[in-house]
Structure formats: structure tokens, C-alpha cells
C-alpha atoms as a PDB file:
ATOM      1  CA  UNK A   1      23.988 131.478 107.789  1.00  0.00           C
ATOM      2  CA  UNK A   2      25.816 130.695 104.597  1.00  0.00           C
ATOM      3  CA  UNK A   3      28.361 127.959 104.210  1.00  0.00           C
ATOM      4  CA  UNK A   4      31.023 130.623 103.952  1.00  0.00           C
ATOM      5  CA  UNK A   5      30.014 132.031 107.305  1.00  0.00           C
ATOM      6  CA  UNK A   6      30.085 128.591 108.872  1.00  0.00           C
ATOM      7  CA  UNK A   7      33.540 127.959 107.509  1.00  0.00           C
ATOM      8  CA  UNK A   8      34.720 131.378 108.652  1.00  0.00           C
ATOM      9  CA  UNK A   9      33.316 130.880 112.126  1.00  0.00           C
ATOM     10  CA  UNK A  10      34.902 127.441 112.332  1.00  0.00           C
ATOM     11  CA  UNK A  11      38.260 128.842 111.331  1.00  0.00           C
ATOM     12  CA  UNK A  12      37.940 131.614 113.936  1.00  0.00           C
ATOM     13  CA  UNK A  13      36.813 129.147 116.591  1.00  0.00           C
ATOM     14  CA  UNK A  14      39.662 126.770 115.846  1.00  0.00           C
ATOM     15  CA  UNK A  15      42.098 129.659 115.817  1.00  0.00           C
ATOM     16  CA  UNK A  16      40.844 130.879 119.178  1.00  0.00           C
ATOM     17  CA  UNK A  17      41.046 127.382 120.638  1.00  0.00           C
ATOM     18  CA  UNK A  18      44.510 126.916 119.206  1.00  0.00           C
ATOM     19  CA  UNK A  19      45.607 130.275 120.551  1.00  0.00           C
ATOM     20  CA  UNK A  20      44.197 129.504 123.986  1.00  0.00           C
ATOM     21  CA  UNK A  21      45.930 126.142 123.942  1.00  0.00           C
ATOM     22  CA  UNK A  22      49.196 127.710 122.878  1.00  0.00           C
ATOM     23  CA  UNK A  23      48.857 130.379 125.556  1.00  0.00           C
ATOM     24  CA  UNK A  24      48.141 127.728 128.171  1.00  0.00           C
ATOM     25  CA  UNK A  25      51.128 125.678 127.031  1.00  0.00           C
ATOM     26  CA  UNK A  26      53.277 128.786 127.043  1.00  0.00           C
ATOM     27  CA  UNK A  27      52.104 129.641 130.534  1.00  0.00           C
ATOM     28  CA  UNK A  28      52.808 126.097 131.703  1.00  0.00           C
ATOM     29  CA  UNK A  29      56.253 126.120 130.128  1.00  0.00           C
ATOM     30  CA  UNK A  30      56.926 129.497 131.685  1.00  0.00           C
ATOM     31  CA  UNK A  31      55.775 128.172 135.075  1.00  0.00           C
ATOM     32  CA  UNK A  32      58.010 125.097 134.731  1.00  0.00           C
ATOM     33  CA  UNK A  33      60.942 127.220 133.634  1.00  0.00           C
ATOM     34  CA  UNK A  34      60.325 129.573 136.552  1.00  0.00           C
ATOM     35  CA  UNK A  35      60.151 126.660 138.979  1.00  0.00           C
ATOM     36  CA  UNK A  36      63.369 125.170 137.576  1.00  0.00           C
ATOM     37  CA  UNK A  37      65.091 128.507 137.758  1.00  0.00           C
ATOM     38  CA  UNK A  38      63.772 129.087 141.266  1.00  0.00           C
ATOM     39  CA  UNK A  39      64.960 125.644 142.344  1.00  0.00           C
ATOM     40  CA  UNK A  40      68.354 126.260 140.750  1.00  0.00           C
ATOM     41  CA  UNK A  41      68.528 129.656 142.401  1.00  0.00           C
ATOM     42  CA  UNK A  42      67.620 128.092 145.743  1.00  0.00           C
ATOM     43  CA  UNK A  43      70.331 125.459 145.325  1.00  0.00           C
ATOM     44  CA  UNK A  44      72.830 128.141 144.365  1.00  0.00           C
ATOM     45  CA  UNK A  45      71.850 130.200 147.394  1.00  0.00           C
ATOM     46  CA  UNK A  46      72.255 127.144 149.604  1.00  0.00           C
ATOM     47  CA  UNK A  47      75.647 126.466 148.049  1.00  0.00           C
ATOM     48  CA  UNK A  48      76.748 130.058 148.494  1.00  0.00           C
ATOM     49  CA  UNK A  49      75.493 130.107 152.068  1.00  0.00           C
ATOM     50  CA  UNK A  50      77.294 126.850 152.850  1.00  0.00           C
ATOM     51  CA  UNK A  51      80.418 128.209 151.195  1.00  0.00           C
ATOM     52  CA  UNK A  52      80.063 131.433 153.158  1.00  0.00           C
ATOM     53  CA  UNK A  53      79.632 129.432 156.373  1.00  0.00           C
ATOM     54  CA  UNK A  54      82.783 127.482 155.565  1.00  0.00           C
ATOM     55  CA  UNK A  55      84.654 130.679 154.787  1.00  0.00           C
ATOM     56  CA  UNK A  56      83.358 132.262 157.987  1.00  0.00           C
ATOM     57  CA  UNK A  57      84.415 129.187 159.954  1.00  0.00           C
ATOM     58  CA  UNK A  58      87.838 129.295 158.338  1.00  0.00           C
ATOM     59  CA  UNK A  59      88.078 132.999 159.084  1.00  0.00           C
ATOM     60  CA  UNK A  60      86.986 132.400 162.687  1.00  0.00           C
ATOM     61  CA  UNK A  61      89.512 129.579 163.045  1.00  0.00           C
ATOM     62  CA  UNK A  62      92.254 131.732 161.566  1.00  0.00           C
ATOM     63  CA  UNK A  63      91.269 134.622 163.821  1.00  0.00           C
ATOM     64  CA  UNK A  64      91.237 132.382 166.886  1.00  0.00           C
ATOM     65  CA  UNK A  65      94.558 130.829 165.885  1.00  0.00           C
ATOM     66  CA  UNK A  66      96.072 134.254 165.317  1.00  0.00           C
ATOM     67  CA  UNK A  67      94.672 135.464 168.633  1.00  0.00           C
ATOM     68  CA  UNK A  68      96.023 132.400 170.436  1.00  0.00           C
ATOM     69  CA  UNK A  69      99.407 132.812 168.753  1.00  0.00           C
ATOM     70  CA  UNK A  70      99.485 136.491 169.668  1.00  0.00           C
ATOM     71  CA  UNK A  71      98.359 135.700 173.204  1.00  0.00           C
ATOM     72  CA  UNK A  72     101.009 132.987 173.491  1.00  0.00           C
ATOM     73  CA  UNK A  73     103.654 135.322 172.129  1.00  0.00           C
ATOM     74  CA  UNK A  74     102.670 138.036 174.591  1.00  0.00           C
ATOM     75  CA  UNK A  75     102.670 135.492 177.402  1.00  0.00           C
ATOM     76  CA  UNK A  76     106.174 134.341 176.478  1.00  0.00           C
ATOM     77  CA  UNK A  77     107.300 137.960 176.279  1.00  0.00           C
ATOM     78  CA  UNK A  78     105.871 138.678 179.727  1.00  0.00           C
ATOM     79  CA  UNK A  79     107.441 135.531 181.154  1.00  0.00           C
ATOM     80  CA  UNK A  80     110.790 136.493 179.661  1.00  0.00           C
ATOM     81  CA  UNK A  81     110.466 140.013 181.041  1.00  0.00           C
ATOM     82  CA  UNK A  82     109.599 138.650 184.484  1.00  0.00           C
ATOM     83  CA  UNK A  83     112.584 136.289 184.429  1.00  0.00           C
ATOM     84  CA  UNK A  84     114.861 139.152 183.347  1.00  0.00           C
ATOM     85  CA  UNK A  85     113.514 141.296 186.190  1.00  0.00           C
ATOM     86  CA  UNK A  86     114.256 138.509 188.670  1.00  0.00           C
ATOM     87  CA  UNK A  87     117.809 138.165 187.349  1.00  0.00           C
ATOM     88  CA  UNK A  88     118.337 141.925 187.635  1.00  0.00           C
ATOM     89  CA  UNK A  89     116.954 141.812 191.159  1.00  0.00           C
ATOM     90  CA  UNK A  90     119.339 138.964 192.031  1.00  0.00           C
ATOM     91  CA  UNK A  91     122.228 141.006 190.643  1.00  0.00           C
ATOM     92  CA  UNK A  92     121.144 143.985 192.737  1.00  0.00           C
ATOM     93  CA  UNK A  93     121.074 141.791 195.847  1.00  0.00           C
ATOM     94  CA  UNK A  94     124.596 140.523 195.117  1.00  0.00           C
ATOM     95  CA  UNK A  95     125.908 144.045 194.596  1.00  0.00           C
ATOM     96  CA  UNK A  96     124.366 145.169 197.895  1.00  0.00           C
ATOM     97  CA  UNK A  97     125.442 142.194 199.994  1.00  0.00           C
ATOM     98  CA  UNK A  98     126.888 142.789 203.409  1.00  0.00           C
ATOM     99  CA  UNK A  99     130.669 142.708 203.859  1.00  0.00           C
ATOM    100  CA  UNK A 100     130.524 139.253 205.403  1.00  0.00           C
ATOM    101  CA  UNK A 101     128.359 137.822 202.605  1.00  0.00           C
ATOM    102  CA  UNK A 102     130.378 139.510 199.853  1.00  0.00           C
ATOM    103  CA  UNK A 103     133.743 138.207 201.023  1.00  0.00           C
ATOM    104  CA  UNK A 104     132.330 134.764 201.721  1.00  0.00           C
ATOM    105  CA  UNK A 105     131.243 134.642 198.069  1.00  0.00           C
ATOM    106  CA  UNK A 106     134.645 135.943 196.918  1.00  0.00           C
ATOM    107  CA  UNK A 107     136.480 133.354 199.035  1.00  0.00           C
ATOM    108  CA  UNK A 108     134.344 130.564 197.620  1.00  0.00           C
ATOM    109  CA  UNK A 109     134.887 131.677 194.012  1.00  0.00           C
ATOM    110  CA  UNK A 110     138.655 132.065 194.424  1.00  0.00           C
ATOM    111  CA  UNK A 111     138.911 128.663 196.114  1.00  0.00           C
ATOM    112  CA  UNK A 112     136.957 126.920 193.335  1.00  0.00           C
ATOM    113  CA  UNK A 113     138.887 128.724 190.588  1.00  0.00           C
ATOM    114  CA  UNK A 114     142.310 127.812 191.961  1.00  0.00           C
ATOM    115  CA  UNK A 115     141.731 124.136 192.724  1.00  0.00           C
ATOM    116  CA  UNK A 116     144.899 122.295 191.701  1.00  0.00           C
ATOM    117  CA  UNK A 117     146.662 125.575 190.855  1.00  0.00           C
ATOM    118  CA  UNK A 118     149.990 126.210 192.579  1.00  0.00           C
ATOM    119  CA  UNK A 119     151.173 129.309 190.712  1.00  0.00           C
ATOM    120  CA  UNK A 120     150.763 132.707 192.417  1.00  0.00           C
ATOM    121  CA  UNK A 121     147.483 134.455 191.636  1.00  0.00           C
ATOM    122  CA  UNK A 122     146.351 138.065 191.636  1.00  0.00           C
ATOM    123  CA  UNK A 123     143.001 139.048 193.132  1.00  0.00           C
ATOM    124  CA  UNK A 124     141.188 142.094 191.743  1.00  0.00           C
ATOM    125  CA  UNK A 125     138.320 143.565 193.764  1.00  0.00           C
ATOM    126  CA  UNK A 126     135.808 146.332 193.159  1.00  0.00           C
ATOM    127  CA  UNK A 127     136.494 149.771 194.563  1.00  0.00           C
ATOM    128  CA  UNK A 128     133.852 149.292 197.246  1.00  0.00           C
ATOM    129  CA  UNK A 129     135.205 145.906 198.341  1.00  0.00           C
ATOM    130  CA  UNK A 130     138.765 147.213 198.437  1.00  0.00           C
ATOM    131  CA  UNK A 131     137.616 149.802 200.953  1.00  0.00           C
ATOM    132  CA  UNK A 132     135.771 147.363 203.191  1.00  0.00           C
ATOM    133  CA  UNK A 133     137.981 144.281 202.896  1.00  0.00           C
ATOM    134  CA  UNK A 134     138.421 142.590 206.303  1.00  0.00           C
ATOM    135  CA  UNK A 135     141.896 142.665 207.782  1.00  0.00           C
ATOM    136  CA  UNK A 136     144.061 139.602 207.057  1.00  0.00           C
ATOM    137  CA  UNK A 137     141.553 138.488 204.400  1.00  0.00           C
ATOM    138  CA  UNK A 138     144.227 137.835 201.760  1.00  0.00           C
ATOM    139  CA  UNK A 139     146.519 135.999 204.183  1.00  0.00           C
ATOM    140  CA  UNK A 140     143.729 133.748 205.424  1.00  0.00           C
ATOM    141  CA  UNK A 141     142.470 133.085 201.890  1.00  0.00           C
ATOM    142  CA  UNK A 142     145.952 132.141 200.664  1.00  0.00           C
ATOM    143  CA  UNK A 143     146.421 129.869 203.655  1.00  0.00           C
ATOM    144  CA  UNK A 144     143.082 128.134 203.158  1.00  0.00           C
ATOM    145  CA  UNK A 145     143.682 127.561 199.445  1.00  0.00           C
ATOM    146  CA  UNK A 146     147.370 126.782 199.655  1.00  0.00           C
ATOM    147  CA  UNK A 147     148.294 129.244 196.911  1.00  0.00           C
ATOM    148  CA  UNK A 148     150.117 132.564 197.061  1.00  0.00           C
ATOM    149  CA  UNK A 149     147.666 135.405 196.409  1.00  0.00           C
ATOM    150  CA  UNK A 150     148.540 139.006 195.724  1.00  0.00           C
ATOM    151  CA  UNK A 151     145.927 141.750 196.014  1.00  0.00           C
ATOM    152  CA  UNK A 152     145.826 144.251 193.151  1.00  0.00           C
ATOM    153  CA  UNK A 153     145.858 147.810 194.466  1.00  0.00           C
ATOM    154  CA  UNK A 154     143.903 148.923 191.383  1.00  0.00           C
ATOM    155  CA  UNK A 155     140.153 148.265 191.608  1.00  0.00           C
ATOM    156  CA  UNK A 156     138.431 146.504 188.758  1.00  0.00           C
ATOM    157  CA  UNK A 157     135.831 148.116 186.525  1.00  0.00           C
ATOM    158  CA  UNK A 158     132.912 146.313 188.187  1.00  0.00           C
ATOM    159  CA  UNK A 159     130.787 146.805 191.275  1.00  0.00           C
ATOM    160  CA  UNK A 160     130.835 143.378 192.970  1.00  0.00           C
ATOM    161  CA  UNK A 161     132.531 140.005 192.909  1.00  0.00           C
ATOM    162  CA  UNK A 162     136.131 139.635 191.824  1.00  0.00           C
ATOM    163  CA  UNK A 163     138.556 138.668 189.079  1.00  0.00           C
ATOM    164  CA  UNK A 164     141.366 136.182 189.665  1.00  0.00           C
ATOM    165  CA  UNK A 165     144.393 136.188 187.378  1.00  0.00           C
ATOM    166  CA  UNK A 166     146.864 133.330 187.337  1.00  0.00           C
ATOM    167  CA  UNK A 167     149.571 133.750 184.709  1.00  0.00           C
ATOM    168  CA  UNK A 168     147.661 133.978 181.397  1.00  0.00           C
ATOM    169  CA  UNK A 169     144.389 132.632 182.770  1.00  0.00           C
ATOM    170  CA  UNK A 170     141.658 134.935 184.061  1.00  0.00           C
ATOM    171  CA  UNK A 171     138.694 133.802 186.154  1.00  0.00           C
ATOM    172  CA  UNK A 172     135.842 136.303 186.113  1.00  0.00           C
ATOM    173  CA  UNK A 173     133.680 136.123 189.212  1.00  0.00           C
ATOM    174  CA  UNK A 174     131.751 139.352 188.728  1.00  0.00           C
ATOM    175  CA  UNK A 175     127.933 139.152 188.768  1.00  0.00           C
ATOM    176  CA  UNK A 176     127.644 140.199 185.122  1.00  0.00           C
ATOM    177  CA  UNK A 177     130.094 137.547 183.946  1.00  0.00           C
ATOM    178  CA  UNK A 178     128.495 134.803 186.031  1.00  0.00           C
ATOM    179  CA  UNK A 179     125.018 135.761 184.813  1.00  0.00           C
ATOM    180  CA  UNK A 180     126.167 135.704 181.172  1.00  0.00           C
ATOM    181  CA  UNK A 181     127.825 132.324 181.647  1.00  0.00           C
ATOM    182  CA  UNK A 182     124.849 130.702 183.358  1.00  0.00           C
ATOM    183  CA  UNK A 183     122.010 132.716 181.808  1.00  0.00           C
ATOM    184  CA  UNK A 184     120.123 129.740 180.347  1.00  0.00           C
ATOM    185  CA  UNK A 185     120.386 127.762 183.556  1.00  0.00           C
ATOM    186  CA  UNK A 186     119.314 130.763 185.627  1.00  0.00           C
ATOM    187  CA  UNK A 187     116.357 131.447 183.334  1.00  0.00           C
ATOM    188  CA  UNK A 188     115.221 127.815 183.475  1.00  0.00           C
ATOM    189  CA  UNK A 189     115.549 127.685 187.254  1.00  0.00           C
ATOM    190  CA  UNK A 190     113.723 130.971 187.822  1.00  0.00           C
ATOM    191  CA  UNK A 191     111.046 130.021 185.286  1.00  0.00           C
ATOM    192  CA  UNK A 192     110.474 126.673 186.999  1.00  0.00           C
ATOM    193  CA  UNK A 193     110.019 128.443 190.326  1.00  0.00           C
ATOM    194  CA  UNK A 194     107.812 131.250 189.014  1.00  0.00           C
ATOM    195  CA  UNK A 195     105.567 129.144 186.802  1.00  0.00           C
ATOM    196  CA  UNK A 196     105.480 125.849 188.715  1.00  0.00           C
ATOM    197  CA  UNK A 197     101.751 126.285 189.493  1.00  0.00           C
ATOM    198  CA  UNK A 198     101.031 126.867 185.798  1.00  0.00           C
ATOM    199  CA  UNK A 199     102.851 123.647 184.859  1.00  0.00           C
ATOM    200  CA  UNK A 200     100.913 121.709 187.501  1.00  0.00           C
ATOM    201  CA  UNK A 201      97.579 123.035 186.232  1.00  0.00           C
ATOM    202  CA  UNK A 202      98.460 121.975 182.680  1.00  0.00           C
ATOM    203  CA  UNK A 203      99.295 118.474 183.906  1.00  0.00           C
ATOM    204  CA  UNK A 204      95.986 118.166 185.749  1.00  0.00           C
ATOM    205  CA  UNK A 205      93.977 119.292 182.724  1.00  0.00           C
ATOM    206  CA  UNK A 206      95.609 116.817 180.333  1.00  0.00           C
END
């Protein structure tokens, strides 16, 4: 083999070795890059998953809060409806009271309205109560109160209770007027009775 061949072979051998080394280095760098990218991708996936979990938890919390708020709102609505039904039922009972009960209530209202009043008063009754008023009711009422009372021969535009007029002052003792005047108190009282067990259970759980 000539010197030229030896030199040529050496060059080829060195070139092959250099190429193999470069390929190996390139493969190693590629592997390291891949591992870094894979690690970064894994970290990013973990971050995204954690962020998604947080967002899901926030969404769940918001959904639960909204559901609780809606449930509470519906509960309040139902409680209010139940209280209103009880008030309407109480009104119905008043309207349908017996003659004795109705005129006992009227006597009590007139007496309380005219405490300390000495001017003559006019009593207005419903059409139904005018028809069933006990005899001597006005005379006895005036005597008990100590005030002159005149019965209006025109019925009032209501179905129970009464209206008392004394000069320019009017005392409205009809169920609708009394309910309007004491609505908050009535609602609180009825609510306390209806939902007393619920309040007790809340106290025992706290």
C-alpha cells in the first residue's frame, strides 16, 4: 500500500470516527433536549391540571353557593307563602265568626278606640252584621263605654268588623285594615309558631 493510500485511509478513518462522534453527540444532545422538553411538558401539564382543579373547585363552590342561595330563596318564598296563607285563613275565620264572637270583637274594638272620648260616635257595620245585630246592642255598648253611639243605617263596604267615626277621626276595625296595620307583627308571630322546630334544630346544631 502506497503512502498515499495510507494517508487516504487515515483521512477516511478519522472522518468516519469524527462523524460517528458527532452523530453520538447529536443523539445525546437530542436526548437531553427531549428529556428537558418532556420534563417541561410534564411540569406544564401538572400546572394546567392543578389550575384546572382549582378552576373546577371554584366552579363547584360557585355552583354550590348558587344552589344554596337559590334553595334559601325558594325556602324564604315558601315560608312567606305559608305565612300569607295563614293570614288569609285567619281573615276567613274572622269573616265567618258566629254572631256572638263577631259582636264581642266589635264591642272590644269600639271600647278601645273610644277610651277617653266623650263626643258622640257613629258605628258602621257590614251588611251581614247589620242584619244579625243583637237587640239592644248599641244601647248596651254606649252604656258600657259611656259615650253616645249612633248606628249608621248604611252598611260599610267590607264584610266583617266595623268602622267607628268620631267627628273627623275614623277608626278602622275591619279585618283588612287590622291586617295591614299589624302585618309585620302578624307575620313574625305566625312565623315563630310555624317554624319554631326549625329554629330549635338550628340552635342544637350550632
